[in-house]
Amino acid sequence: PTISEFYPGYEVTIWLGLFAAAGTPVAVLAKLHAEVNKALAEPETRSKLAAAGGLEAYITTATEFAALIRRDYEKYGKLVRDVGVKLE
């Protein structure tokens, strides 16, 4: 069964993110963040993402991205528990 058969109206949002290893220097993270956001702000990058499957670029802070990950972890964790998914 599909998710919508279990939960009518349930919405799944796909996102992509860039992660760095624990302990990466703050200066490196700041530079990476600035350069990635600069690239994501470019119209050519946005159009290529859209052409690659309707992807839309969202520029966020590390704190906002961490909050998104936490929300999705809780949301999908609840779904897994509610439908009784088990490892086999």
C-alpha atoms as a PDB file:
ATOM      1  CA  PRO A   1       0.000   0.000   0.000  1.00  0.00           C
ATOM      2  CA  THR A   2       1.027   3.576  -0.576  1.00  0.00           C
ATOM      3  CA  ILE A   3       1.475   6.194   2.138  1.00  0.00           C
ATOM      4  CA  SER A   4      -1.655   7.997   0.927  1.00  0.00           C
ATOM      5  CA  GLU A   5      -3.681   4.806   1.436  1.00  0.00           C
ATOM      6  CA  PHE A   6      -2.601   4.741   5.090  1.00  0.00           C
ATOM      7  CA  TYR A   7      -2.647   8.500   5.617  1.00  0.00           C
ATOM      8  CA  PRO A   8      -4.927  10.391   3.218  1.00  0.00           C
ATOM      9  CA  GLY A   9      -3.471  13.846   2.602  1.00  0.00           C
ATOM     10  CA  TYR A  10      -0.005  12.907   3.878  1.00  0.00           C
ATOM     11  CA  GLU A  11       2.642  14.957   2.113  1.00  0.00           C
ATOM     12  CA  VAL A  12       6.246  13.965   1.503  1.00  0.00           C
ATOM     13  CA  THR A  13       8.755  16.643   0.594  1.00  0.00           C
ATOM     14  CA  ILE A  14      12.011  15.625  -1.033  1.00  0.00           C
ATOM     15  CA  TRP A  15      15.099  17.672  -0.233  1.00  0.00           C
ATOM     16  CA  LEU A  16      18.799  17.494  -0.888  1.00  0.00           C
ATOM     17  CA  GLY A  17      21.444  18.875   1.406  1.00  0.00           C
ATOM     18  CA  LEU A  18      25.156  19.228   1.762  1.00  0.00           C
ATOM     19  CA  PHE A  19      26.840  17.839   4.869  1.00  0.00           C
ATOM     20  CA  ALA A  20      30.369  18.121   6.232  1.00  0.00           C
ATOM     21  CA  ALA A  21      32.285  15.840   8.557  1.00  0.00           C
ATOM     22  CA  ALA A  22      32.074  16.468  12.278  1.00  0.00           C
ATOM     23  CA  GLY A  23      34.897  18.723  13.363  1.00  0.00           C
ATOM     24  CA  THR A  24      35.169  20.594  10.069  1.00  0.00           C
ATOM     25  CA  PRO A  25      36.626  24.027  10.907  1.00  0.00           C
ATOM     26  CA  VAL A  26      34.050  26.815  11.175  1.00  0.00           C
ATOM     27  CA  ALA A  27      35.926  28.898   8.590  1.00  0.00           C
ATOM     28  CA  VAL A  28      35.702  26.049   6.069  1.00  0.00           C
ATOM     29  CA  LEU A  29      31.986  25.611   6.757  1.00  0.00           C
ATOM     30  CA  ALA A  30      31.379  29.342   6.345  1.00  0.00           C
ATOM     31  CA  LYS A  31      33.238  29.427   3.015  1.00  0.00           C
ATOM     32  CA  LEU A  32      31.428  26.333   1.738  1.00  0.00           C
ATOM     33  CA  HIS A  33      28.065  27.755   2.827  1.00  0.00           C
ATOM     34  CA  ALA A  34      28.735  31.077   1.094  1.00  0.00           C
ATOM     35  CA  GLU A  35      29.878  29.467  -2.160  1.00  0.00           C
ATOM     36  CA  VAL A  36      27.002  26.979  -2.307  1.00  0.00           C
ATOM     37  CA  ASN A  37      24.457  29.719  -1.621  1.00  0.00           C
ATOM     38  CA  LYS A  38      26.075  31.884  -4.294  1.00  0.00           C
ATOM     39  CA  ALA A  39      25.718  29.030  -6.797  1.00  0.00           C
ATOM     40  CA  LEU A  40      22.125  28.327  -5.754  1.00  0.00           C
ATOM     41  CA  ALA A  41      21.217  31.980  -6.280  1.00  0.00           C
ATOM     42  CA  GLU A  42      22.316  31.861  -9.928  1.00  0.00           C
ATOM     43  CA  PRO A  43      19.430  31.665 -12.434  1.00  0.00           C
ATOM     44  CA  GLU A  44      21.322  29.060 -14.489  1.00  0.00           C
ATOM     45  CA  THR A  45      21.697  26.784 -11.456  1.00  0.00           C
ATOM     46  CA  ARG A  46      18.019  27.188 -10.605  1.00  0.00           C
ATOM     47  CA  SER A  47      16.920  26.362 -14.148  1.00  0.00           C
ATOM     48  CA  LYS A  48      19.153  23.275 -14.268  1.00  0.00           C
ATOM     49  CA  LEU A  49      17.743  22.050 -10.961  1.00  0.00           C
ATOM     50  CA  ALA A  50      14.207  22.608 -12.229  1.00  0.00           C
ATOM     51  CA  ALA A  51      14.996  20.698 -15.428  1.00  0.00           C
ATOM     52  CA  ALA A  52      16.446  17.816 -13.394  1.00  0.00           C
ATOM     53  CA  GLY A  53      13.091  16.899 -11.927  1.00  0.00           C
ATOM     54  CA  GLY A  54      11.439  20.027 -10.635  1.00  0.00           C
ATOM     55  CA  LEU A  55      13.965  20.670  -7.898  1.00  0.00           C
ATOM     56  CA  GLU A  56      13.774  24.094  -6.303  1.00  0.00           C
ATOM     57  CA  ALA A  57      16.744  25.705  -4.574  1.00  0.00           C
ATOM     58  CA  TYR A  58      16.225  26.860  -1.001  1.00  0.00           C
ATOM     59  CA  ILE A  59      18.957  28.835   0.675  1.00  0.00           C
ATOM     60  CA  THR A  60      18.990  28.192   4.420  1.00  0.00           C
ATOM     61  CA  THR A  61      21.242  28.632   7.396  1.00  0.00           C
ATOM     62  CA  ALA A  62      22.840  25.656   9.128  1.00  0.00           C
ATOM     63  CA  THR A  63      20.381  26.141  11.998  1.00  0.00           C
ATOM     64  CA  GLU A  64      17.370  26.111   9.654  1.00  0.00           C
ATOM     65  CA  PHE A  65      18.667  22.997   7.898  1.00  0.00           C
ATOM     66  CA  ALA A  66      19.235  21.216  11.221  1.00  0.00           C
ATOM     67  CA  ALA A  67      15.653  22.083  12.234  1.00  0.00           C
ATOM     68  CA  LEU A  68      14.353  20.619   8.951  1.00  0.00           C
ATOM     69  CA  ILE A  69      16.271  17.401   9.550  1.00  0.00           C
ATOM     70  CA  ARG A  70      14.889  17.146  13.098  1.00  0.00           C
ATOM     71  CA  ARG A  71      11.301  17.750  11.903  1.00  0.00           C
ATOM     72  CA  ASP A  72      11.592  15.120   9.177  1.00  0.00           C
ATOM     73  CA  TYR A  73      13.205  12.639  11.564  1.00  0.00           C
ATOM     74  CA  GLU A  74      10.272  13.026  13.947  1.00  0.00           C
ATOM     75  CA  LYS A  75       7.650  13.022  11.160  1.00  0.00           C
ATOM     76  CA  TYR A  76       8.937   9.933   9.373  1.00  0.00           C
ATOM     77  CA  GLY A  77       9.821   8.176  12.611  1.00  0.00           C
ATOM     78  CA  LYS A  78       6.183   8.509  13.678  1.00  0.00           C
ATOM     79  CA  LEU A  79       5.042   7.184  10.303  1.00  0.00           C
ATOM     80  CA  VAL A  80       7.351   4.160  10.582  1.00  0.00           C
ATOM     81  CA  ARG A  81       6.104   3.415  14.106  1.00  0.00           C
ATOM     82  CA  ASP A  82       2.431   3.950  13.216  1.00  0.00           C
ATOM     83  CA  VAL A  83       2.462   1.572  10.256  1.00  0.00           C
ATOM     84  CA  GLY A  84       4.622  -0.963  12.077  1.00  0.00           C
ATOM     85  CA  VAL A  85       7.603  -1.070   9.723  1.00  0.00           C
ATOM     86  CA  LYS A  86      10.094  -3.699  10.890  1.00  0.00           C
ATOM     87  CA  LEU A  87      13.565  -4.595   9.646  1.00  0.00           C
ATOM     88  CA  GLU A  88      13.721  -8.004   8.048  1.00  0.00           C
END
